C-alpha atoms as a PDB file:
ATOM      1  CA  MET A   1    -223.114  78.195-181.932  1.00  0.00           C
ATOM      2  CA  THR A   2    -220.772  78.696-178.905  1.00  0.00           C
ATOM      3  CA  PHE A   3    -217.319  77.421-178.445  1.00  0.00           C
ATOM      4  CA  THR A   4    -218.114  75.950-174.939  1.00  0.00           C
ATOM      5  CA  GLY A   5    -217.091  72.858-173.313  1.00  0.00           C
ATOM      6  CA  THR A   6    -215.964  69.431-174.640  1.00  0.00           C
ATOM      7  CA  PHE A   7    -215.266  68.878-178.206  1.00  0.00           C
ATOM      8  CA  THR A   8    -214.101  64.998-179.393  1.00  0.00           C
ATOM      9  CA  ALA A   9    -211.389  65.403-182.051  1.00  0.00           C
ATOM     10  CA  LEU A  10    -212.691  62.024-183.507  1.00  0.00           C
ATOM     11  CA  ILE A  11    -210.928  58.712-184.755  1.00  0.00           C
ATOM     12  CA  THR A  12    -211.469  57.156-187.821  1.00  0.00           C
ATOM     13  CA  PRO A  13    -212.050  53.788-187.743  1.00  0.00           C
ATOM     14  CA  PHE A  14    -210.952  51.301-190.549  1.00  0.00           C
ATOM     15  CA  ASN A  15    -211.909  48.017-191.768  1.00  0.00           C
ATOM     16  CA  THR A  16    -209.398  45.207-191.316  1.00  0.00           C
ATOM     17  CA  ASP A  17    -208.890  45.553-195.405  1.00  0.00           C
ATOM     18  CA  GLY A  18    -207.619  49.522-194.581  1.00  0.00           C
ATOM     19  CA  SER A  19    -211.306  50.855-195.529  1.00  0.00           C
ATOM     20  CA  VAL A  20    -213.063  53.205-193.893  1.00  0.00           C
ATOM     21  CA  ASP A  21    -215.230  51.384-191.164  1.00  0.00           C
ATOM     22  CA  TYR A  22    -218.516  53.632-191.362  1.00  0.00           C
ATOM     23  CA  SER A  23    -220.572  51.504-189.363  1.00  0.00           C
ATOM     24  CA  ALA A  24    -218.015  52.009-186.469  1.00  0.00           C
ATOM     25  CA  LEU A  25    -217.782  55.176-187.168  1.00  0.00           C
ATOM     26  CA  ARG A  26    -222.045  55.844-186.956  1.00  0.00           C
ATOM     27  CA  ALA A  27    -221.649  53.909-183.583  1.00  0.00           C
ATOM     28  CA  PHE A  28    -219.089  55.728-182.324  1.00  0.00           C
ATOM     29  CA  VAL A  29    -219.947  59.182-182.375  1.00  0.00           C
ATOM     30  CA  GLN A  30    -223.779  57.898-180.804  1.00  0.00           C
ATOM     31  CA  TRP A  31    -221.844  56.437-177.999  1.00  0.00           C
ATOM     32  CA  GLN A  32    -220.276  59.528-177.402  1.00  0.00           C
ATOM     33  CA  ILE A  33    -223.226  62.167-177.642  1.00  0.00           C
ATOM     34  CA  ALA A  34    -224.451  59.602-175.172  1.00  0.00           C
ATOM     35  CA  ASN A  35    -221.876  60.602-172.767  1.00  0.00           C
ATOM     36  CA  GLY A  36    -221.841  63.610-172.414  1.00  0.00           C
ATOM     37  CA  VAL A  37    -219.826  65.359-175.067  1.00  0.00           C
ATOM     38  CA  ASN A  38    -221.031  68.777-176.914  1.00  0.00           C
ATOM     39  CA  GLY A  39    -219.388  68.609-180.564  1.00  0.00           C
ATOM     40  CA  LEU A  40    -217.436  66.376-182.382  1.00  0.00           C
ATOM     41  CA  VAL A  41    -214.556  67.522-184.792  1.00  0.00           C
ATOM     42  CA  PRO A  42    -214.338  64.831-187.346  1.00  0.00           C
ATOM     43  CA  VAL A  43    -211.109  64.424-189.667  1.00  0.00           C
ATOM     44  CA  GLY A  44    -208.313  66.284-187.977  1.00  0.00           C
ATOM     45  CA  THR A  45    -205.086  64.916-186.874  1.00  0.00           C
ATOM     46  CA  THR A  46    -206.759  62.603-184.976  1.00  0.00           C
ATOM     47  CA  GLY A  47    -209.058  61.572-187.723  1.00  0.00           C
ATOM     48  CA  GLU A  48    -205.863  60.842-189.637  1.00  0.00           C
ATOM     49  CA  SER A  49    -207.087  63.266-192.667  1.00  0.00           C
ATOM     50  CA  PRO A  50    -203.641  62.803-194.173  1.00  0.00           C
ATOM     51  CA  THR A  51    -204.396  59.591-195.158  1.00  0.00           C
ATOM     52  CA  LEU A  52    -208.231  60.057-196.341  1.00  0.00           C
ATOM     53  CA  GLU A  53    -208.949  60.113-199.803  1.00  0.00           C
ATOM     54  CA  PHE A  54    -211.219  63.823-200.572  1.00  0.00           C
ATOM     55  CA  HIS A  55    -214.534  61.262-201.192  1.00  0.00           C
ATOM     56  CA  GLU A  56    -213.241  59.476-197.734  1.00  0.00           C
ATOM     57  CA  HIS A  57    -212.987  63.014-196.343  1.00  0.00           C
ATOM     58  CA  ILE A  58    -216.352  64.410-197.434  1.00  0.00           C
ATOM     59  CA  LYS A  59    -218.417  60.994-196.584  1.00  0.00           C
ATOM     60  CA  VAL A  60    -216.655  60.663-192.147  1.00  0.00           C
ATOM     61  CA  ILE A  61    -217.803  64.592-192.178  1.00  0.00           C
ATOM     62  CA  THR A  62    -221.482  63.545-193.888  1.00  0.00           C
ATOM     63  CA  THR A  63    -221.471  60.788-191.883  1.00  0.00           C
ATOM     64  CA  THR A  64    -220.725  62.204-188.652  1.00  0.00           C
ATOM     65  CA  VAL A  65    -223.659  64.900-189.187  1.00  0.00           C
ATOM     66  CA  GLU A  66    -226.370  62.345-189.905  1.00  0.00           C
ATOM     67  CA  ALA A  67    -224.798  60.158-187.218  1.00  0.00           C
ATOM     68  CA  ALA A  68    -225.200  63.322-184.473  1.00  0.00           C
ATOM     69  CA  SER A  69    -228.900  64.250-185.436  1.00  0.00           C
ATOM     70  CA  GLY A  70    -228.319  67.334-184.170  1.00  0.00           C
ATOM     71  CA  LYS A  71    -227.736  66.393-181.164  1.00  0.00           C
ATOM     72  CA  ALA A  72    -223.810  67.473-180.735  1.00  0.00           C
ATOM     73  CA  ALA A  73    -222.197  70.695-182.468  1.00  0.00           C
ATOM     74  CA  ILE A  74    -220.025  69.259-185.472  1.00  0.00           C
ATOM     75  CA  ILE A  75    -216.373  71.509-186.120  1.00  0.00           C
ATOM     76  CA  ALA A  76    -215.525  69.734-189.402  1.00  0.00           C
ATOM     77  CA  GLY A  77    -211.487  69.504-190.094  1.00  0.00           C
ATOM     78  CA  THR A  78    -211.136  70.521-193.899  1.00  0.00           C
ATOM     79  CA  GLY A  79    -207.913  72.179-193.298  1.00  0.00           C
ATOM     80  CA  ALA A  80    -204.865  71.739-195.538  1.00  0.00           C
ATOM     81  CA  ASN A  81    -201.614  73.241-195.992  1.00  0.00           C
ATOM     82  CA  SER A  82    -202.917  75.162-199.851  1.00  0.00           C
ATOM     83  CA  THR A  83    -205.639  77.350-199.357  1.00  0.00           C
ATOM     84  CA  SER A  84    -207.256  76.628-202.537  1.00  0.00           C
ATOM     85  CA  GLU A  85    -207.857  72.540-201.109  1.00  0.00           C
ATOM     86  CA  ALA A  86    -209.143  74.084-197.734  1.00  0.00           C
ATOM     87  CA  ILE A  87    -211.116  76.062-200.104  1.00  0.00           C
ATOM     88  CA  GLY A  88    -212.136  72.766-201.893  1.00  0.00           C
ATOM     89  CA  LEU A  89    -213.103  70.647-199.129  1.00  0.00           C
ATOM     90  CA  THR A  90    -214.952  73.297-197.033  1.00  0.00           C
ATOM     91  CA  ARG A  91    -216.698  73.876-200.069  1.00  0.00           C
ATOM     92  CA  ALA A  92    -218.161  70.187-200.002  1.00  0.00           C
ATOM     93  CA  VAL A  93    -219.250  70.676-197.136  1.00  0.00           C
ATOM     94  CA  LEU A  94    -220.857  73.831-197.143  1.00  0.00           C
ATOM     95  CA  GLN A  95    -225.047  72.697-197.178  1.00  0.00           C
ATOM     96  CA  SER A  96    -224.100  69.036-195.350  1.00  0.00           C
ATOM     97  CA  GLY A  97    -225.181  70.499-191.699  1.00  0.00           C
ATOM     98  CA  VAL A  98    -221.950  71.465-189.850  1.00  0.00           C
ATOM     99  CA  ASP A  99    -221.716  74.296-187.612  1.00  0.00           C
ATOM    100  CA  ALA A 100    -218.167  74.889-188.230  1.00  0.00           C
ATOM    101  CA  THR A 101    -215.099  74.278-189.592  1.00  0.00           C
ATOM    102  CA  LEU A 102    -211.347  73.587-188.159  1.00  0.00           C
ATOM    103  CA  GLN A 103    -208.135  75.118-189.907  1.00  0.00           C
ATOM    104  CA  VAL A 104    -204.888  74.027-188.967  1.00  0.00           C
ATOM    105  CA  THR A 105    -202.037  76.384-189.680  1.00  0.00           C
ATOM    106  CA  PRO A 106    -200.878  75.364-193.318  1.00  0.00           C
ATOM    107  CA  TYR A 107    -197.789  73.188-192.831  1.00  0.00           C
ATOM    108  CA  TYR A 108    -194.615  72.925-194.223  1.00  0.00           C
ATOM    109  CA  ASN A 109    -194.868  75.720-196.619  1.00  0.00           C
ATOM    110  CA  LYS A 110    -194.372  77.975-193.685  1.00  0.00           C
ATOM    111  CA  PRO A 111    -196.279  81.479-194.833  1.00  0.00           C
ATOM    112  CA  ASN A 112    -195.311  84.753-193.539  1.00  0.00           C
ATOM    113  CA  ALA A 113    -197.859  86.464-191.697  1.00  0.00           C
ATOM    114  CA  GLU A 114    -200.016  88.327-194.404  1.00  0.00           C
ATOM    115  CA  GLY A 115    -199.758  84.967-196.102  1.00  0.00           C
ATOM    116  CA  LEU A 116    -201.266  83.242-193.259  1.00  0.00           C
ATOM    117  CA  PHE A 117    -204.235  85.962-192.544  1.00  0.00           C
ATOM    118  CA  ARG A 118    -205.108  85.686-196.278  1.00  0.00           C
ATOM    119  CA  HIS A 119    -205.378  82.149-196.392  1.00  0.00           C
ATOM    120  CA  PHE A 120    -207.959  81.888-192.993  1.00  0.00           C
ATOM    121  CA  ALA A 121    -209.626  84.767-194.317  1.00  0.00           C
ATOM    122  CA  ALA A 122    -210.576  83.608-197.867  1.00  0.00           C
ATOM    123  CA  VAL A 123    -211.860  80.439-195.710  1.00  0.00           C
ATOM    124  CA  ALA A 124    -213.907  81.780-193.720  1.00  0.00           C
ATOM    125  CA  ASP A 125    -215.386  84.269-196.681  1.00  0.00           C
ATOM    126  CA  LEU A 126    -216.976  80.546-197.699  1.00  0.00           C
ATOM    127  CA  GLY A 127    -219.384  81.651-194.825  1.00  0.00           C
ATOM    128  CA  LEU A 128    -218.785  78.966-192.246  1.00  0.00           C
ATOM    129  CA  PRO A 129    -217.487  79.879-188.834  1.00  0.00           C
ATOM    130  CA  VAL A 130    -213.895  79.180-189.106  1.00  0.00           C
ATOM    131  CA  VAL A 131    -212.165  77.444-185.733  1.00  0.00           C
ATOM    132  CA  LEU A 132    -208.018  78.838-186.278  1.00  0.00           C
ATOM    133  CA  TYR A 133    -205.857  75.474-185.324  1.00  0.00           C
ATOM    134  CA  ASN A 134    -202.805  76.606-184.092  1.00  0.00           C
ATOM    135  CA  VAL A 135    -200.207  73.710-183.763  1.00  0.00           C
ATOM    136  CA  PRO A 136    -196.741  74.810-184.482  1.00  0.00           C
ATOM    137  CA  GLY A 137    -195.281  71.274-183.225  1.00  0.00           C
ATOM    138  CA  ARG A 138    -196.936  69.764-186.549  1.00  0.00           C
ATOM    139  CA  ALA A 139    -197.034  73.002-188.833  1.00  0.00           C
ATOM    140  CA  ALA A 140    -193.510  73.810-187.911  1.00  0.00           C
ATOM    141  CA  LYS A 141    -195.210  77.241-187.625  1.00  0.00           C
ATOM    142  CA  GLU A 142    -197.326  79.764-185.050  1.00  0.00           C
ATOM    143  CA  ILE A 143    -200.115  82.216-185.452  1.00  0.00           C
ATOM    144  CA  PRO A 144    -198.594  84.768-184.102  1.00  0.00           C
ATOM    145  CA  LEU A 145    -200.717  87.021-181.726  1.00  0.00           C
ATOM    146  CA  ASP A 146    -200.954  90.141-184.040  1.00  0.00           C
ATOM    147  CA  VAL A 147    -202.526  87.605-186.866  1.00  0.00           C
ATOM    148  CA  VAL A 148    -204.420  85.714-184.266  1.00  0.00           C
ATOM    149  CA  VAL A 149    -206.001  89.690-183.176  1.00  0.00           C
ATOM    150  CA  ARG A 150    -206.389  90.883-186.830  1.00  0.00           C
ATOM    151  CA  LEU A 151    -208.157  87.686-187.559  1.00  0.00           C
ATOM    152  CA  ALA A 152    -210.441  87.302-184.312  1.00  0.00           C
ATOM    153  CA  SER A 153    -212.509  90.729-186.001  1.00  0.00           C
ATOM    154  CA  TYR A 154    -212.760  89.064-189.062  1.00  0.00           C
ATOM    155  CA  PRO A 155    -216.285  87.725-190.654  1.00  0.00           C
ATOM    156  CA  ASN A 156    -216.518  84.422-189.641  1.00  0.00           C
ATOM    157  CA  ILE A 157    -213.531  83.502-187.290  1.00  0.00           C
ATOM    158  CA  ALA A 158    -215.178  82.313-184.564  1.00  0.00           C
ATOM    159  CA  ALA A 159    -212.270  80.598-181.737  1.00  0.00           C
ATOM    160  CA  ILE A 160    -209.273  79.058-181.616  1.00  0.00           C
ATOM    161  CA  LYS A 161    -207.892  75.638-180.572  1.00  0.00           C
ATOM    162  CA  GLU A 162    -204.846  76.251-179.350  1.00  0.00           C
ATOM    163  CA  ALA A 163    -201.882  72.674-179.029  1.00  0.00           C
ATOM    164  CA  GLY A 164    -198.677  74.782-178.332  1.00  0.00           C
ATOM    165  CA  GLY A 165    -198.367  73.409-174.827  1.00  0.00           C
ATOM    166  CA  SER A 166    -198.286  77.109-173.657  1.00  0.00           C
ATOM    167  CA  VAL A 167    -201.020  78.118-171.113  1.00  0.00           C
ATOM    168  CA  ASP A 168    -199.800  81.577-171.270  1.00  0.00           C
ATOM    169  CA  ARG A 169    -200.382  82.029-175.132  1.00  0.00           C
ATOM    170  CA  VAL A 170    -204.488  81.821-173.858  1.00  0.00           C
ATOM    171  CA  ASN A 171    -203.424  84.405-171.434  1.00  0.00           C
ATOM    172  CA  ALA A 172    -201.471  86.407-174.417  1.00  0.00           C
ATOM    173  CA  ILE A 173    -204.933  85.865-176.556  1.00  0.00           C
ATOM    174  CA  LYS A 174    -207.336  86.962-174.130  1.00  0.00           C
ATOM    175  CA  ASP A 175    -205.274  89.598-172.623  1.00  0.00           C
ATOM    176  CA  ALA A 176    -205.519  90.986-176.902  1.00  0.00           C
ATOM    177  CA  CYS A 177    -209.079  90.141-177.956  1.00  0.00           C
ATOM    178  CA  GLU A 178    -212.265  88.332-177.076  1.00  0.00           C
ATOM    179  CA  LEU A 179    -211.771  85.723-179.659  1.00  0.00           C
ATOM    180  CA  PRO A 180    -212.567  82.297-177.720  1.00  0.00           C
ATOM    181  CA  VAL A 181    -209.967  79.989-176.901  1.00  0.00           C
ATOM    182  CA  LEU A 182    -210.389  75.748-176.856  1.00  0.00           C
ATOM    183  CA  SER A 183    -207.385  73.719-175.833  1.00  0.00           C
ATOM    184  CA  GLY A 184    -205.811  71.718-177.809  1.00  0.00           C
ATOM    185  CA  ASP A 185    -203.592  69.696-174.928  1.00  0.00           C
ATOM    186  CA  ASP A 186    -205.881  67.465-173.010  1.00  0.00           C
ATOM    187  CA  SER A 187    -203.232  67.398-169.870  1.00  0.00           C
ATOM    188  CA  LEU A 188    -203.564  71.363-169.985  1.00  0.00           C
ATOM    189  CA  THR A 189    -207.639  71.535-170.507  1.00  0.00           C
ATOM    190  CA  LEU A 190    -207.605  72.883-166.977  1.00  0.00           C
ATOM    191  CA  PRO A 191    -204.744  75.140-166.272  1.00  0.00           C
ATOM    192  CA  MET A 192    -206.263  76.919-169.541  1.00  0.00           C
ATOM    193  CA  ILE A 193    -210.193  77.438-168.529  1.00  0.00           C
ATOM    194  CA  SER A 194    -208.141  78.683-165.004  1.00  0.00           C
ATOM    195  CA  VAL A 195    -207.321  81.338-167.144  1.00  0.00           C
ATOM    196  CA  GLY A 196    -210.075  82.117-169.464  1.00  0.00           C
ATOM    197  CA  ALA A 197    -210.567  78.965-171.890  1.00  0.00           C
ATOM    198  CA  SER A 198    -213.705  78.116-172.481  1.00  0.00           C
ATOM    199  CA  GLY A 199    -213.049  74.726-173.238  1.00  0.00           C
ATOM    200  CA  VAL A 200    -210.909  71.647-175.133  1.00  0.00           C
ATOM    201  CA  ILE A 201    -210.549  69.563-178.678  1.00  0.00           C
ATOM    202  CA  SER A 202    -210.050  66.404-177.076  1.00  0.00           C
ATOM    203  CA  VAL A 203    -208.600  63.474-177.598  1.00  0.00           C
ATOM    204  CA  ALA A 204    -208.781  61.974-174.461  1.00  0.00           C
ATOM    205  CA  SER A 205    -212.642  61.993-174.717  1.00  0.00           C
ATOM    206  CA  ASN A 206    -212.427  59.422-177.560  1.00  0.00           C
ATOM    207  CA  VAL A 207    -211.758  57.292-174.671  1.00  0.00           C
ATOM    208  CA  ILE A 208    -213.224  59.127-171.894  1.00  0.00           C
ATOM    209  CA  PRO A 209    -216.432  61.078-172.996  1.00  0.00           C
ATOM    210  CA  LYS A 210    -218.499  61.092-169.935  1.00  0.00           C
ATOM    211  CA  GLU A 211    -215.297  62.021-167.897  1.00  0.00           C
ATOM    212  CA  MET A 212    -213.656  64.840-170.156  1.00  0.00           C
ATOM    213  CA  SER A 213    -216.851  66.336-169.913  1.00  0.00           C
ATOM    214  CA  ALA A 214    -217.488  66.285-166.130  1.00  0.00           C
ATOM    215  CA  LEU A 215    -214.056  67.549-166.034  1.00  0.00           C
ATOM    216  CA  VAL A 216    -214.638  70.287-168.101  1.00  0.00           C
ATOM    217  CA  ARG A 217    -217.543  71.224-167.017  1.00  0.00           C
ATOM    218  CA  LEU A 218    -216.644  71.655-163.202  1.00  0.00           C
ATOM    219  CA  ALA A 219    -213.636  74.045-164.634  1.00  0.00           C
ATOM    220  CA  LEU A 220    -216.110  75.953-166.091  1.00  0.00           C
ATOM    221  CA  ALA A 221    -218.336  76.227-163.345  1.00  0.00           C
ATOM    222  CA  ASN A 222    -214.889  77.180-161.002  1.00  0.00           C
ATOM    223  CA  ASN A 223    -215.674  74.178-159.308  1.00  0.00           C
ATOM    224  CA  LEU A 224    -211.785  73.640-159.426  1.00  0.00           C
ATOM    225  CA  ALA A 225    -211.285  71.337-156.262  1.00  0.00           C
ATOM    226  CA  ASP A 226    -213.503  68.621-157.846  1.00  0.00           C
ATOM    227  CA  ALA A 227    -211.968  69.248-161.342  1.00  0.00           C
ATOM    228  CA  ARG A 228    -208.531  68.744-160.233  1.00  0.00           C
ATOM    229  CA  GLU A 229    -209.293  65.513-158.540  1.00  0.00           C
ATOM    230  CA  LEU A 230    -210.739  64.061-161.956  1.00  0.00           C
ATOM    231  CA  HIS A 231    -207.440  65.525-163.837  1.00  0.00           C
ATOM    232  CA  ARG A 232    -205.129  63.686-161.362  1.00  0.00           C
ATOM    233  CA  THR A 233    -207.125  60.528-161.968  1.00  0.00           C
ATOM    234  CA  TYR A 234    -206.874  60.864-165.680  1.00  0.00           C
ATOM    235  CA  TYR A 235    -203.457  62.101-166.143  1.00  0.00           C
ATOM    236  CA  PRO A 236    -201.988  58.921-166.626  1.00  0.00           C
ATOM    237  CA  LEU A 237    -204.289  58.782-169.811  1.00  0.00           C
ATOM    238  CA  PHE A 238    -203.413  61.771-170.965  1.00  0.00           C
ATOM    239  CA  ARG A 239    -200.023  61.353-171.019  1.00  0.00           C
ATOM    240  CA  ASP A 240    -200.118  57.886-172.523  1.00  0.00           C
ATOM    241  CA  LEU A 241    -201.986  58.713-175.307  1.00  0.00           C
ATOM    242  CA  PHE A 242    -198.952  60.832-176.666  1.00  0.00           C
ATOM    243  CA  ILE A 243    -196.365  58.184-175.919  1.00  0.00           C
ATOM    244  CA  ASP A 244    -196.469  57.150-179.607  1.00  0.00           C
ATOM    245  CA  THR A 245    -197.519  59.847-182.855  1.00  0.00           C
ATOM    246  CA  ASN A 246    -201.371  60.457-182.367  1.00  0.00           C
ATOM    247  CA  PRO A 247    -203.233  59.142-183.249  1.00  0.00           C
ATOM    248  CA  ILE A 248    -201.759  55.525-183.114  1.00  0.00           C
ATOM    249  CA  PRO A 249    -202.281  55.817-178.810  1.00  0.00           C
ATOM    250  CA  VAL A 250    -205.796  56.681-178.818  1.00  0.00           C
ATOM    251  CA  LYS A 251    -206.916  54.191-181.321  1.00  0.00           C
ATOM    252  CA  THR A 252    -204.303  51.076-179.863  1.00  0.00           C
ATOM    253  CA  ALA A 253    -206.573  52.062-176.916  1.00  0.00           C
ATOM    254  CA  LEU A 254    -210.527  51.859-178.280  1.00  0.00           C
ATOM    255  CA  ALA A 255    -208.943  48.623-179.958  1.00  0.00           C
ATOM    256  CA  LEU A 256    -207.722  46.853-176.514  1.00  0.00           C
ATOM    257  CA  MET A 257    -211.474  48.500-175.268  1.00  0.00           C
ATOM    258  CA  GLY A 258    -213.234  46.692-178.269  1.00  0.00           C
ATOM    259  CA  ARG A 259    -214.740  50.036-179.833  1.00  0.00           C
ATOM    260  CA  ILE A 260    -212.327  49.778-183.142  1.00  0.00           C
ATOM    261  CA  ASN A 261    -210.101  47.226-185.631  1.00  0.00           C
ATOM    262  CA  PRO A 262    -206.670  48.236-184.425  1.00  0.00           C
ATOM    263  CA  VAL A 263    -205.896  49.405-187.996  1.00  0.00           C
ATOM    264  CA  PHE A 264    -203.593  52.296-189.362  1.00  0.00           C
ATOM    265  CA  ARG A 265    -202.810  53.290-192.753  1.00  0.00           C
ATOM    266  CA  LEU A 266    -199.457  54.212-193.977  1.00  0.00           C
ATOM    267  CA  PRO A 267    -197.014  55.475-192.584  1.00  0.00           C
ATOM    268  CA  LEU A 268    -198.590  55.474-189.436  1.00  0.00           C
ATOM    269  CA  CYS A 269    -198.871  51.512-188.243  1.00  0.00           C
ATOM    270  CA  GLU A 270    -199.231  49.980-184.977  1.00  0.00           C
ATOM    271  CA  PRO A 271    -197.455  50.496-182.212  1.00  0.00           C
ATOM    272  CA  SER A 272    -194.411  48.532-180.175  1.00  0.00           C
ATOM    273  CA  ASP A 273    -195.285  46.192-177.683  1.00  0.00           C
ATOM    274  CA  LYS A 274    -193.907  48.009-174.861  1.00  0.00           C
ATOM    275  CA  VAL A 275    -195.966  51.104-175.780  1.00  0.00           C
ATOM    276  CA  ARG A 276    -199.309  49.015-176.551  1.00  0.00           C
ATOM    277  CA  ASP A 277    -198.592  47.351-173.007  1.00  0.00           C
ATOM    278  CA  GLN A 278    -198.199  50.760-171.298  1.00  0.00           C
ATOM    279  CA  ILE A 279    -201.199  51.893-172.201  1.00  0.00           C
ATOM    280  CA  SER A 280    -203.043  48.099-171.570  1.00  0.00           C
ATOM    281  CA  HIS A 281    -201.868  48.734-168.026  1.00  0.00           C
ATOM    282  CA  THR A 282    -203.395  52.531-167.716  1.00  0.00           C
ATOM    283  CA  LEU A 283    -206.578  51.411-169.229  1.00  0.00           C
ATOM    284  CA  HIS A 284    -206.508  48.452-166.691  1.00  0.00           C
ATOM    285  CA  SER A 285    -206.137  50.948-163.804  1.00  0.00           C
ATOM    286  CA  LEU A 286    -208.716  53.381-164.453  1.00  0.00           C
ATOM    287  CA  ASN A 287    -211.034  50.522-164.964  1.00  0.00           C
ATOM    288  CA  LEU A 288    -211.755  51.334-168.506  1.00  0.00           C
ATOM    289  CA  MET A 289    -211.015  47.715-170.129  1.00  0.00           C
END
């Protein structure tokens, strides 16, 4: 597969009793594809991976594959801070039809450079293309540039998602190797593409799949003027989807739009009235309600 375009970091919808709403997930996947996204990323951070049981984790991925029916690339979130767990999750979806796997930097245990290399290499050895996921704000550890460069030449390491808030980091990666870079920050998608990123793994495209896909297509075509207009229009949404812990705002927005139930799993919970009202105001202002 090519790691180019808009890939939605899928939310996981829940029923009112807290169980996974697989029917809503199928409908949501089909809506995303109908609105032009290039790919889907089930069970990442936005999909509430920390609170899904193993069997749910796998079923969300396989349900996404089935609902997509080959019409979009699937990058399965199978990362963990235990290498054996990441291998186990990845092995469980090897034959499911996914196109690649998203592997987050091991969080909390803060491995050194050699440990990071061995972790990602061990998952890549299973045979699926691996998208590295650099997110120091959650993992408390950045993947050092020299480790990225070393991994870029390792078999099955296919791309990197950059969610560290730095456009210069994209410059550094593209200067040092040929690994494709996907933005992990909606508000930085346009500037990251302008310096060499090939797309985005997007939270906002849960809400605006058509518009986010258009922004990325324009940016990749070097039509920066029109891309900038879309960026400016939807910047308030990019901003407000992170005024509380992701995915609380995006699921709140989708609930206000009538697409899912406003249900979370502890330790995540509903936002304050102030946050909900701000999200509602932004959705109304953009005619998304």
